[in-house]
Amino acid sequence: MDSTETRTVTFAGNRAAGARDEGAGHSGGSTVCADCTDGLGKPTPVEPDSWRGRIRAKPGMHLAWRVGVFVVGLLFVLLGVALTVLPGPLTIPPVLLGLWIWSTEFDWARRFFAAFRRKAAAAWRHARQHPVSSLAVTVGGLAAAAVVFWAVGHFDLVDRAKSAVGLG
């Protein structure tokens, strides 16, 4: 393309339509996106005079804010995943909280949060319609977890497993 020739590039998603790849048949590599800088999507629109608007006005602070939001949300989601060993709806609140935290800043999380919130509401409705069975499952699961924790400590199962594997 010489300097007098102009070319219009339209953006669709995260790839520039009409952008040339260097080398024939090259389909990998980075993509071109006019507005995306971190691969996480555009941040939620905010008022310029708000405290979040002032944070976004400073690029370094904005990046630190987004990283902080992602890490805090990730901690809650991981807590919810860790609670999946327990029966009942115990895993839903921390995951929902983590998704809500992410949804304050990330577009992809906002969409996922809406779907998860609908499913959580349905699970809560089911638990309210069947309170005895929900309580029995939750209390039974907590009792089973307590027995497992007691047995691991009482019978030194961690030390026995280490010595069986050859680590202890």
Protein backbone atom coordinates (compact mmCIF):
# COMPACT_ATOMS: atom_id res chain seq x y z
CA MET A 1 0.00 0.00 0.00
CA ASP A 2 1.55 3.33 -1.03
CA SER A 3 1.17 6.57 0.92
CA THR A 4 -1.60 7.97 -1.32
CA GLU A 5 -3.83 4.92 -1.01
CA THR A 6 -6.27 4.81 1.88
CA ARG A 7 -8.02 1.83 3.30
CA THR A 8 -11.01 1.59 5.63
CA VAL A 9 -10.73 -0.91 8.43
CA THR A 10 -13.88 -1.89 10.29
CA PHE A 11 -13.78 -3.62 13.63
CA ALA A 12 -15.89 -6.67 14.34
CA GLY A 13 -15.43 -8.13 17.77
CA ASN A 14 -11.73 -8.36 18.47
CA ARG A 15 -10.50 -8.70 14.87
CA ALA A 16 -10.12 -5.97 12.31
CA ALA A 17 -11.93 -6.81 9.12
CA GLY A 18 -9.72 -6.01 6.15
CA ALA A 19 -6.48 -5.99 8.14
CA ARG A 20 -3.68 -7.82 6.36
CA ASP A 21 -1.81 -10.70 7.94
CA GLU A 22 1.90 -10.66 7.40
CA GLY A 23 2.77 -13.77 5.42
CA ALA A 24 0.50 -15.93 3.34
CA GLY A 25 -1.91 -18.19 5.17
CA HIS A 26 -1.01 -16.77 8.60
CA SER A 27 -4.05 -17.02 10.86
CA GLY A 28 -2.51 -16.83 14.33
CA GLY A 29 -0.89 -13.99 16.18
CA SER A 30 -2.41 -10.97 17.79
CA THR A 31 -5.66 -9.37 16.78
CA VAL A 32 -6.47 -5.73 16.23
CA CYS A 33 -9.10 -4.03 18.33
CA ALA A 34 -9.71 -0.30 18.39
CA ASP A 35 -10.95 -0.16 21.99
CA CYS A 36 -9.67 -3.32 23.70
CA THR A 37 -6.40 -3.06 25.59
CA ASP A 38 -6.45 -5.92 28.09
CA GLY A 39 -8.60 -8.64 26.54
CA LEU A 40 -11.21 -8.34 29.29
CA GLY A 41 -13.63 -6.11 27.43
CA LYS A 42 -14.69 -2.54 27.90
CA PRO A 43 -15.23 -1.24 31.43
CA THR A 44 -18.68 -0.23 32.60
CA PRO A 45 -19.57 3.35 31.64
CA VAL A 46 -19.40 5.75 34.59
CA GLU A 47 -20.02 9.42 35.25
CA PRO A 48 -16.82 11.45 34.65
CA ASP A 49 -17.19 13.31 37.97
CA SER A 50 -17.68 10.17 40.09
CA TRP A 51 -14.85 8.58 42.08
CA ARG A 52 -14.65 5.76 39.52
CA GLY A 53 -14.50 8.36 36.77
CA ARG A 54 -11.55 9.99 38.50
CA ILE A 55 -9.85 6.58 38.82
CA ARG A 56 -10.37 5.92 35.12
CA ALA A 57 -8.90 9.29 34.22
CA LYS A 58 -5.50 8.02 35.41
CA PRO A 59 -4.38 5.05 33.25
CA GLY A 60 -2.12 3.50 35.90
CA MET A 61 -4.76 3.79 38.60
CA HIS A 62 -7.40 2.42 36.24
CA LEU A 63 -5.32 -0.67 35.48
CA ALA A 64 -4.61 -1.20 39.18
CA TRP A 65 -8.34 -0.85 39.93
CA ARG A 66 -9.28 -3.43 37.30
CA VAL A 67 -6.62 -5.86 38.52
CA GLY A 68 -7.85 -5.38 42.10
CA VAL A 69 -11.47 -5.98 41.09
CA PHE A 70 -10.45 -9.11 39.22
CA VAL A 71 -8.40 -10.50 42.13
CA VAL A 72 -11.09 -9.83 44.76
CA GLY A 73 -13.76 -11.40 42.54
CA LEU A 74 -11.49 -14.37 41.87
CA LEU A 75 -11.00 -14.95 45.60
CA PHE A 76 -14.75 -15.18 46.16
CA VAL A 77 -15.26 -17.44 43.14
CA LEU A 78 -12.47 -19.74 44.35
CA LEU A 79 -14.04 -19.82 47.82
CA GLY A 80 -17.30 -20.89 46.23
CA VAL A 81 -15.55 -23.58 44.21
CA ALA A 82 -13.80 -24.82 47.36
CA LEU A 83 -17.20 -25.08 49.07
CA THR A 84 -18.52 -27.44 46.38
CA VAL A 85 -17.37 -30.39 48.50
CA LEU A 86 -20.20 -29.51 50.87
CA PRO A 87 -23.74 -30.32 49.78
CA GLY A 88 -26.49 -27.79 49.57
CA PRO A 89 -26.52 -24.24 48.28
CA LEU A 90 -23.40 -23.16 50.23
CA THR A 91 -21.35 -22.63 47.08
CA ILE A 92 -23.80 -20.18 45.52
CA PRO A 93 -23.36 -17.04 47.68
CA PRO A 94 -19.55 -16.63 47.34
CA VAL A 95 -19.60 -17.37 43.61
CA LEU A 96 -22.49 -14.96 43.15
CA LEU A 97 -20.64 -12.30 45.14
CA GLY A 98 -17.47 -12.83 43.07
CA LEU A 99 -19.43 -12.56 39.83
CA TRP A 100 -21.14 -9.41 41.09
CA ILE A 101 -17.77 -7.87 41.93
CA TRP A 102 -16.49 -8.75 38.44
CA SER A 103 -19.68 -7.45 36.83
CA THR A 104 -19.03 -3.98 38.22
CA GLU A 105 -16.06 -3.70 35.87
CA PHE A 106 -16.16 -6.39 33.16
CA ASP A 107 -18.78 -6.77 30.42
CA TRP A 108 -18.34 -10.56 30.09
CA ALA A 109 -18.99 -11.00 33.81
CA ARG A 110 -22.13 -8.88 33.64
CA ARG A 111 -23.64 -11.30 31.11
CA PHE A 112 -22.52 -14.37 33.07
CA PHE A 113 -23.75 -12.84 36.35
CA ALA A 114 -27.26 -12.34 34.95
CA ALA A 115 -27.52 -16.02 33.95
CA PHE A 116 -26.06 -17.22 37.25
CA ARG A 117 -28.39 -14.96 39.23
CA ARG A 118 -31.42 -16.52 37.50
CA LYS A 119 -30.20 -20.03 38.34
CA ALA A 120 -29.43 -19.06 41.94
CA ALA A 121 -32.93 -17.62 42.33
CA ALA A 122 -34.40 -20.88 41.02
CA ALA A 123 -32.29 -22.91 43.48
CA TRP A 124 -33.39 -20.65 46.35
CA ARG A 125 -37.06 -21.03 45.32
CA HIS A 126 -36.60 -24.81 45.31
CA ALA A 127 -34.99 -24.72 48.77
CA ARG A 128 -37.87 -22.60 50.12
CA GLN A 129 -40.46 -24.96 48.62
CA HIS A 130 -38.75 -27.98 50.18
CA PRO A 131 -37.36 -26.66 53.48
CA VAL A 132 -37.14 -29.98 55.32
CA SER A 133 -35.19 -31.80 52.62
CA SER A 134 -32.96 -28.77 51.98
CA LEU A 135 -32.20 -28.48 55.69
CA ALA A 136 -31.57 -32.23 55.96
CA VAL A 137 -29.17 -32.22 53.01
CA THR A 138 -27.30 -29.16 54.27
CA VAL A 139 -27.03 -30.33 57.90
CA GLY A 140 -26.18 -33.87 56.79
CA GLY A 141 -23.46 -32.57 54.49
CA LEU A 142 -21.98 -30.37 57.21
CA ALA A 143 -22.03 -33.32 59.63
CA ALA A 144 -20.31 -35.55 57.05
CA ALA A 145 -17.67 -32.88 56.46
CA ALA A 146 -17.11 -32.59 60.22
CA VAL A 147 -16.66 -36.36 60.48
CA VAL A 148 -14.14 -36.32 57.63
CA PHE A 149 -12.15 -33.47 59.21
CA TRP A 150 -12.22 -35.26 62.57
CA ALA A 151 -11.09 -38.57 61.01
CA VAL A 152 -8.23 -36.92 59.10
CA GLY A 153 -6.94 -35.33 62.30
CA HIS A 154 -7.65 -38.24 64.66
CA PHE A 155 -6.13 -40.99 62.53
CA ASP A 156 -3.23 -38.86 61.14
CA LEU A 157 -4.36 -39.62 57.60
CA VAL A 158 -2.25 -36.87 56.04
CA ASP A 159 0.94 -38.23 57.62
CA ARG A 160 0.01 -41.79 56.65
CA ALA A 161 -0.64 -40.73 53.07
CA LYS A 162 2.70 -38.90 52.91
CA SER A 163 4.58 -41.94 54.21
CA ALA A 164 2.72 -44.24 51.81
CA VAL A 165 3.75 -42.06 48.88
CA GLY A 166 7.29 -41.73 50.22
CA LEU A 167 7.23 -38.03 51.07
CA GLY A 168 7.32 -38.36 54.84
